[in-house]
Amino acid sequence: MRKTMVILATAVLGLLAGCQDGGVRSDENLIVIEFRPDEPLTYQLASRRDILIELVDGQGKPQPGQSHKMSEQLDVQMTYTPTDVDPLGLTTIEARCDSAKVTRQGFRTSGPEPKDLAEKLAGKTFSFQVSPSGKPADTEAMDAALNAFIESGFVSASGPVKRIKDPDMVVDFLALQYHLWDSVAMIPDPLSARAGTHWTSDQLTPLPFPLPVTRTTTYTLRDPGTSEEPKAVMESTFALSNTEPRWWPPAYQEVFNLRGSLFAILRNYRFRSIEGGGQAVFDVAQGTLERETQAYKTVIDASFMLPLGDTRPVITIEQELRAERLASDGGA
């Protein structure tokens, strides 16, 4: 239905503009997300990163024995149920977090890693609205609920910094939610999409510390699919961006410290590079994203809160983001 409405709308616009290019493309291979009332979509989402902190001298040479490795991973199962579908307007989605699990190593030098706040997302529901293309359009209610959730993870302190918290992967959760359908939703004109067509999206970049950073993701349509094999394949590359996130939790905008984390003593993060790639597979016949993987390496220069001569830290992050649609019974 949504594909038909998109074609009709484009045809009308073409006629009004005096378009004489031979007609409108068939919807057979139209790359458009389809939301069907009360038909849930379940996804397994994951964010994993391996972190290396190295101390380098004034010439940028790593100091022997002066490095530390960490890793963390968030696994979330989400179910999205369209409750009010308008092919030419806003569609309301109810999102339910079915499960959330965080595994982490190396963040604490002694003692067990604390339970991650993100795990408490399990069982929570959020509502938001998307545009006909699938882009988030009205997320005010979800934003407010998530900000209150983040705020619940802070505790009061008596020192100069009054707010402290343990490291968490809530920003990873935000990135996985807000950009789930970007690979298709950000196509400027689905009717003209052909092999080689590319488009961009500024996406929130999750880090081991809360920081409002984005990257520009460029998608390229490599294979639009066929009638016999209706699977479109998009590839992605990444670049550093100065664009602010579309939304950043107010709870993270106030001064705070991370408890028991090496990042509590680091400051002045400067992003040197980002490189990597990804792939998304879209089921054209069903109008649904099947899966997407993004993998990239980020190098970040930083400084200590209290300088240590010419020695400075360099952070290398190997990041992977994954989304995979599950069958209705929860299996892949």
Protein backbone atom coordinates (compact mmCIF):
# COMPACT_ATOMS: atom_id res chain seq x y z
CA MET A 1 0.00 0.00 0.00
CA ARG A 2 2.78 2.42 0.96
CA LYS A 3 4.62 1.74 -2.30
CA THR A 4 1.48 2.44 -4.30
CA MET A 5 0.88 5.70 -2.45
CA VAL A 6 4.49 6.80 -3.02
CA ILE A 7 4.18 6.12 -6.73
CA LEU A 8 0.85 7.92 -7.02
CA ALA A 9 2.16 10.93 -5.12
CA THR A 10 5.27 11.10 -7.29
CA ALA A 11 3.22 10.72 -10.46
CA VAL A 12 0.98 13.62 -9.46
CA LEU A 13 4.00 15.80 -8.69
CA GLY A 14 5.52 14.84 -12.02
CA LEU A 15 2.38 15.81 -13.91
CA LEU A 16 2.12 19.11 -12.05
CA ALA A 17 5.74 19.82 -12.95
CA GLY A 18 5.14 18.92 -16.58
CA CYS A 19 7.26 15.78 -16.37
CA GLN A 20 7.56 14.10 -19.79
CA ASP A 21 10.28 11.49 -19.14
CA GLY A 22 8.27 8.41 -20.01
CA GLY A 23 6.32 7.69 -16.85
CA VAL A 24 6.79 6.46 -13.35
CA ARG A 25 8.82 3.47 -12.23
CA SER A 26 6.90 0.33 -11.26
CA ASP A 27 6.71 -0.48 -7.56
CA GLU A 28 8.07 -3.98 -8.20
CA ASN A 29 11.54 -3.11 -6.90
CA LEU A 30 10.77 0.11 -5.05
CA ILE A 31 12.98 0.39 -1.96
CA VAL A 32 10.46 1.74 0.55
CA ILE A 33 9.78 0.68 4.13
CA GLU A 34 6.30 -0.74 4.63
CA PHE A 35 4.63 -0.56 8.03
CA ARG A 36 1.53 -2.72 8.43
CA PRO A 37 -0.94 -2.05 11.27
CA ASP A 38 -0.37 -4.29 14.28
CA GLU A 39 2.24 -6.40 12.48
CA PRO A 40 5.30 -6.30 14.76
CA LEU A 41 8.90 -6.23 13.55
CA THR A 42 11.42 -7.82 15.91
CA TYR A 43 15.14 -7.06 15.67
CA GLN A 44 18.23 -8.29 17.45
CA LEU A 45 20.48 -5.24 17.87
CA ALA A 46 24.07 -5.21 19.04
CA SER A 47 26.86 -2.73 19.66
CA ARG A 48 30.37 -3.94 20.44
CA ARG A 49 33.67 -2.13 20.76
CA ASP A 50 37.25 -3.01 21.61
CA ILE A 51 39.15 -0.10 23.12
CA LEU A 52 42.89 0.43 23.31
CA ILE A 53 44.37 3.31 25.32
CA GLU A 54 48.05 3.91 24.62
CA LEU A 55 50.42 6.46 26.13
CA VAL A 56 52.59 8.15 23.52
CA ASP A 57 55.47 10.60 23.80
CA GLY A 58 55.81 14.02 22.20
CA GLN A 59 56.65 12.43 18.84
CA GLY A 60 53.60 10.15 18.98
CA LYS A 61 55.63 7.01 19.71
CA PRO A 62 53.85 4.46 21.97
CA GLN A 63 55.52 3.93 25.34
CA PRO A 64 56.41 0.27 26.06
CA GLY A 65 54.12 -1.34 28.61
CA GLN A 66 51.90 1.74 28.78
CA SER A 67 48.64 0.53 27.25
CA HIS A 68 45.30 -0.77 28.46
CA LYS A 69 42.62 -2.80 26.66
CA MET A 70 38.88 -2.79 27.34
CA SER A 71 35.79 -4.16 25.64
CA GLU A 72 32.04 -3.82 26.01
CA GLN A 73 29.00 -5.14 24.18
CA LEU A 74 25.28 -4.41 24.30
CA ASP A 75 22.79 -6.98 23.00
CA VAL A 76 19.17 -5.86 22.74
CA GLN A 77 16.05 -7.46 21.33
CA MET A 78 13.43 -4.91 20.28
CA THR A 79 9.90 -5.33 18.95
CA TYR A 80 8.38 -2.48 16.93
CA THR A 81 4.61 -2.51 16.45
CA PRO A 82 2.95 0.02 14.09
CA THR A 83 -0.27 1.04 15.82
CA ASP A 84 -1.47 3.85 13.57
CA VAL A 85 -0.27 3.73 9.97
CA ASP A 86 -0.63 6.67 7.58
CA PRO A 87 1.19 6.02 4.26
CA LEU A 88 1.30 9.76 3.47
CA GLY A 89 1.62 11.07 7.03
CA LEU A 90 3.06 10.00 10.35
CA THR A 91 3.03 6.39 11.51
CA THR A 92 3.01 5.68 15.24
CA ILE A 93 5.37 2.95 16.44
CA GLU A 94 5.34 1.30 19.84
CA ALA A 95 8.80 0.00 20.67
CA ARG A 96 9.27 -2.62 23.37
CA CYS A 97 12.63 -3.72 24.73
CA ASP A 98 12.28 -7.49 25.12
CA SER A 99 15.76 -8.06 26.55
CA ALA A 100 19.02 -6.19 27.19
CA LYS A 101 22.41 -7.58 28.18
CA VAL A 102 25.78 -5.87 28.60
CA THR A 103 29.14 -7.62 28.88
CA ARG A 104 32.19 -5.59 29.78
CA GLN A 105 35.86 -6.27 30.50
CA GLY A 106 38.75 -4.10 31.62
CA PHE A 107 36.87 -1.01 32.79
CA ARG A 108 37.57 -1.70 36.46
CA THR A 109 41.14 -2.32 37.61
CA SER A 110 39.81 -4.30 40.61
CA GLY A 111 36.51 -5.84 41.63
CA PRO A 112 33.58 -6.89 39.43
CA GLU A 113 32.16 -4.67 36.72
CA PRO A 114 28.96 -2.94 37.93
CA LYS A 115 25.64 -3.84 36.32
CA ASP A 116 25.06 -1.60 33.32
CA LEU A 117 22.13 0.80 33.41
CA ALA A 118 21.19 -0.24 29.86
CA GLU A 119 20.16 -3.68 31.14
CA LYS A 120 17.28 -2.02 33.00
CA LEU A 121 15.74 -1.12 29.63
CA ALA A 122 14.33 -4.65 29.40
CA GLY A 123 10.55 -4.53 29.63
CA LYS A 124 10.27 -0.81 28.90
CA THR A 125 8.15 0.56 26.05
CA PHE A 126 8.47 3.78 24.06
CA SER A 127 6.28 5.43 21.44
CA PHE A 128 7.44 7.56 18.53
CA GLN A 129 6.33 8.56 15.06
CA VAL A 130 8.08 8.15 11.73
CA SER A 131 7.64 9.84 8.35
CA PRO A 132 6.40 7.93 5.28
CA SER A 133 10.03 7.08 4.47
CA GLY A 134 10.71 5.72 7.97
CA LYS A 135 12.70 8.66 9.35
CA PRO A 136 12.03 9.57 13.01
CA ALA A 137 9.62 12.51 12.90
CA ASP A 138 8.20 12.94 16.41
CA THR A 139 10.27 11.36 19.17
CA GLU A 140 9.42 13.82 21.94
CA ALA A 141 7.71 11.27 24.18
CA MET A 142 10.49 8.71 23.72
CA ASP A 143 13.18 11.36 24.25
CA ALA A 144 11.62 12.45 27.54
CA ALA A 145 11.26 8.86 28.76
CA LEU A 146 14.85 8.00 27.86
CA ASN A 147 16.21 11.15 29.47
CA ALA A 148 14.38 10.32 32.72
CA PHE A 149 15.79 6.80 32.49
CA ILE A 150 19.34 8.13 32.06
CA GLU A 151 18.84 10.54 34.96
CA SER A 152 17.98 7.60 37.21
CA GLY A 153 21.53 6.31 36.79
CA PHE A 154 23.16 9.32 38.47
CA VAL A 155 23.99 9.55 42.15
CA SER A 156 24.82 12.65 44.18
CA ALA A 157 28.35 13.33 45.36
CA SER A 158 29.81 15.70 47.94
CA GLY A 159 32.89 16.75 45.94
CA PRO A 160 33.29 19.57 43.42
CA VAL A 161 31.40 17.50 40.81
CA LYS A 162 27.97 16.80 42.26
CA ARG A 163 26.87 14.16 39.77
CA ILE A 164 28.57 10.81 39.18
CA LYS A 165 27.58 7.63 37.41
CA ASP A 166 28.95 4.28 36.30
CA PRO A 167 29.81 3.74 32.63
CA ASP A 168 26.82 2.58 30.60
CA MET A 169 25.82 1.76 27.02
CA VAL A 170 22.62 3.79 26.85
CA VAL A 171 24.01 5.99 24.05
CA ASP A 172 24.55 2.81 22.05
CA PHE A 173 20.87 2.03 22.58
CA LEU A 174 19.96 5.52 21.33
CA ALA A 175 22.08 5.11 18.21
CA LEU A 176 20.56 1.71 17.43
CA GLN A 177 17.02 3.10 17.78
CA TYR A 178 17.27 6.41 15.95
CA HIS A 179 19.19 5.07 12.95
CA LEU A 180 17.71 1.59 12.55
CA TRP A 181 16.07 2.33 9.19
CA ASP A 182 18.47 5.03 7.89
CA SER A 183 19.85 2.80 5.14
CA VAL A 184 16.48 3.06 3.37
CA ALA A 185 14.66 5.94 5.06
CA MET A 186 17.26 8.50 3.96
CA ILE A 187 16.98 7.75 0.22
CA PRO A 188 15.99 11.16 -1.24
CA ASP A 189 13.92 9.71 -4.09
CA PRO A 190 13.14 5.96 -3.99
CA LEU A 191 11.66 6.12 -7.50
CA SER A 192 14.97 7.18 -9.04
CA ALA A 193 17.22 4.90 -6.97
CA ARG A 194 19.47 2.80 -9.21
CA ALA A 195 22.68 0.86 -8.75
CA GLY A 196 25.31 3.45 -7.84
CA THR A 197 22.86 5.89 -6.23
CA HIS A 198 24.21 7.20 -2.93
CA TRP A 199 22.84 9.20 -0.01
CA THR A 200 24.04 10.28 3.43
CA SER A 201 22.94 10.31 7.05
CA ASP A 202 24.54 11.98 10.06
CA GLN A 203 24.45 9.29 12.73
CA LEU A 204 25.12 9.34 16.45
CA THR A 205 28.49 7.73 17.20
CA PRO A 206 28.47 5.64 20.40
CA LEU A 207 31.63 5.80 22.51
CA PRO A 208 32.80 4.37 25.85
CA PHE A 209 31.98 7.78 27.36
CA PRO A 210 28.92 9.99 26.67
CA LEU A 211 29.87 12.59 24.07
CA PRO A 212 27.58 14.20 21.44
CA VAL A 213 29.50 13.10 18.34
CA THR A 214 28.21 12.16 14.90
CA ARG A 215 29.67 10.59 11.81
CA THR A 216 28.50 11.00 8.22
CA THR A 217 27.46 7.64 6.82
CA THR A 218 27.34 7.43 3.04
CA TYR A 219 25.15 4.65 1.65
CA THR A 220 25.58 3.38 -1.90
CA LEU A 221 23.02 1.15 -3.61
CA ARG A 222 25.06 -1.73 -5.04
CA ASP A 223 22.21 -4.03 -6.05
CA PRO A 224 18.57 -2.86 -6.25
CA GLY A 225 17.29 -6.43 -6.46
CA THR A 226 15.19 -8.17 -9.10
CA SER A 227 11.77 -9.78 -9.35
CA GLU A 228 13.38 -13.18 -8.86
CA GLU A 229 15.64 -12.02 -6.00
CA PRO A 230 13.97 -8.97 -4.40
CA LYS A 231 16.82 -8.11 -2.04
CA ALA A 232 18.48 -4.70 -2.26
CA VAL A 233 22.06 -4.38 -1.02
CA MET A 234 23.49 -1.10 0.25
CA GLU A 235 27.12 -0.54 1.23
CA SER A 236 28.26 2.18 3.63
CA THR A 237 31.37 4.21 4.38
CA PHE A 238 32.03 6.74 7.13
CA ALA A 239 33.54 10.18 7.63
CA LEU A 240 34.02 12.49 10.61
CA SER A 241 31.25 15.06 11.04
CA ASN A 242 30.80 18.33 12.92
CA THR A 243 27.00 18.02 12.83
CA GLU A 244 25.32 17.90 16.22
CA PRO A 245 23.10 14.90 17.01
CA ARG A 246 19.41 15.36 16.25
CA TRP A 247 18.85 14.90 19.99
CA TRP A 248 21.22 14.64 22.94
CA PRO A 249 19.92 13.77 26.43
CA PRO A 250 19.82 16.82 28.74
CA ALA A 251 20.96 14.50 31.54
CA TYR A 252 24.33 14.21 29.78
CA GLN A 253 24.63 17.96 29.20
CA GLU A 254 25.37 18.73 32.86
CA VAL A 255 28.83 18.25 34.37
CA PHE A 256 29.40 14.76 35.76
CA ASN A 257 32.11 12.18 36.36
CA LEU A 258 32.31 8.52 35.40
CA ARG A 259 32.90 6.39 38.46
CA GLY A 260 35.72 3.85 38.37
CA SER A 261 36.65 4.54 34.75
CA LEU A 262 39.91 5.60 33.14
CA PHE A 263 37.87 8.03 31.07
CA ALA A 264 37.11 9.98 34.25
CA ILE A 265 40.65 11.39 34.13
CA LEU A 266 40.74 12.15 30.38
CA ARG A 267 39.77 15.40 28.71
CA ASN A 268 39.92 17.33 25.41
CA TYR A 269 38.96 14.54 23.02
CA ARG A 270 40.03 15.25 19.43
CA PHE A 271 38.91 12.89 16.70
CA ARG A 272 41.74 12.11 14.33
CA SER A 273 40.18 9.61 11.91
CA ILE A 274 37.41 7.14 11.21
CA GLU A 275 37.53 4.37 8.62
CA GLY A 276 35.54 1.27 7.87
CA GLY A 277 32.50 0.04 6.01
CA GLY A 278 29.18 -1.71 6.27
CA GLN A 279 26.39 -3.44 4.43
CA ALA A 280 22.60 -3.43 4.65
CA VAL A 281 20.20 -5.92 3.05
CA PHE A 282 16.62 -4.84 2.41
CA ASP A 283 13.74 -7.16 1.52
CA VAL A 284 12.07 -5.19 -1.28
CA ALA A 285 9.08 -7.52 -1.54
CA GLN A 286 8.24 -7.23 2.16
CA GLY A 287 9.40 -3.63 2.57
CA THR A 288 11.56 -4.46 5.59
CA LEU A 289 15.20 -4.17 6.58
CA GLU A 290 16.64 -7.67 6.91
CA ARG A 291 19.99 -6.83 8.42
CA GLU A 292 22.73 -4.23 8.61
CA THR A 293 26.30 -4.26 9.88
CA GLN A 294 28.61 -1.28 10.35
CA ALA A 295 32.24 -1.72 11.39
CA TYR A 296 34.77 1.07 11.75
CA LYS A 297 37.92 2.15 13.58
CA THR A 298 38.14 5.53 15.29
CA VAL A 299 41.37 7.11 16.55
CA ILE A 300 41.02 9.81 19.20
CA ASP A 301 43.66 12.03 20.78
CA ALA A 302 43.06 13.11 24.37
CA SER A 303 44.81 14.66 27.33
CA PHE A 304 44.95 13.96 31.04
CA MET A 305 43.06 16.07 33.53
CA LEU A 306 46.48 16.60 35.18
CA PRO A 307 49.22 16.78 32.50
CA LEU A 308 52.04 14.20 32.61
CA GLY A 309 54.75 16.10 30.77
CA ASP A 310 54.87 15.26 27.06
CA THR A 311 53.02 11.97 27.58
CA ARG A 312 49.49 11.87 26.24
CA PRO A 313 46.84 9.18 25.66
CA VAL A 314 45.67 7.97 22.26
CA ILE A 315 42.42 5.99 22.10
CA THR A 316 41.72 3.49 19.32
CA ILE A 317 38.20 2.08 19.13
CA GLU A 318 37.15 -0.84 16.94
CA GLN A 319 33.35 -0.50 16.76
CA GLU A 320 30.70 -2.80 15.31
CA LEU A 321 26.95 -2.12 15.11
CA ARG A 322 24.54 -4.84 14.00
CA ALA A 323 20.81 -5.15 13.34
CA GLU A 324 19.07 -8.33 12.23
CA ARG A 325 15.38 -8.93 11.80
CA LEU A 326 14.07 -12.00 13.61
CA ALA A 327 11.17 -14.25 12.69
CA SER A 328 7.90 -13.57 14.48
CA ASP A 329 8.63 -16.38 16.94
CA GLY A 330 11.90 -14.68 17.95
CA GLY A 331 14.17 -16.96 15.94
CA ALA A 332 16.50 -15.77 13.18
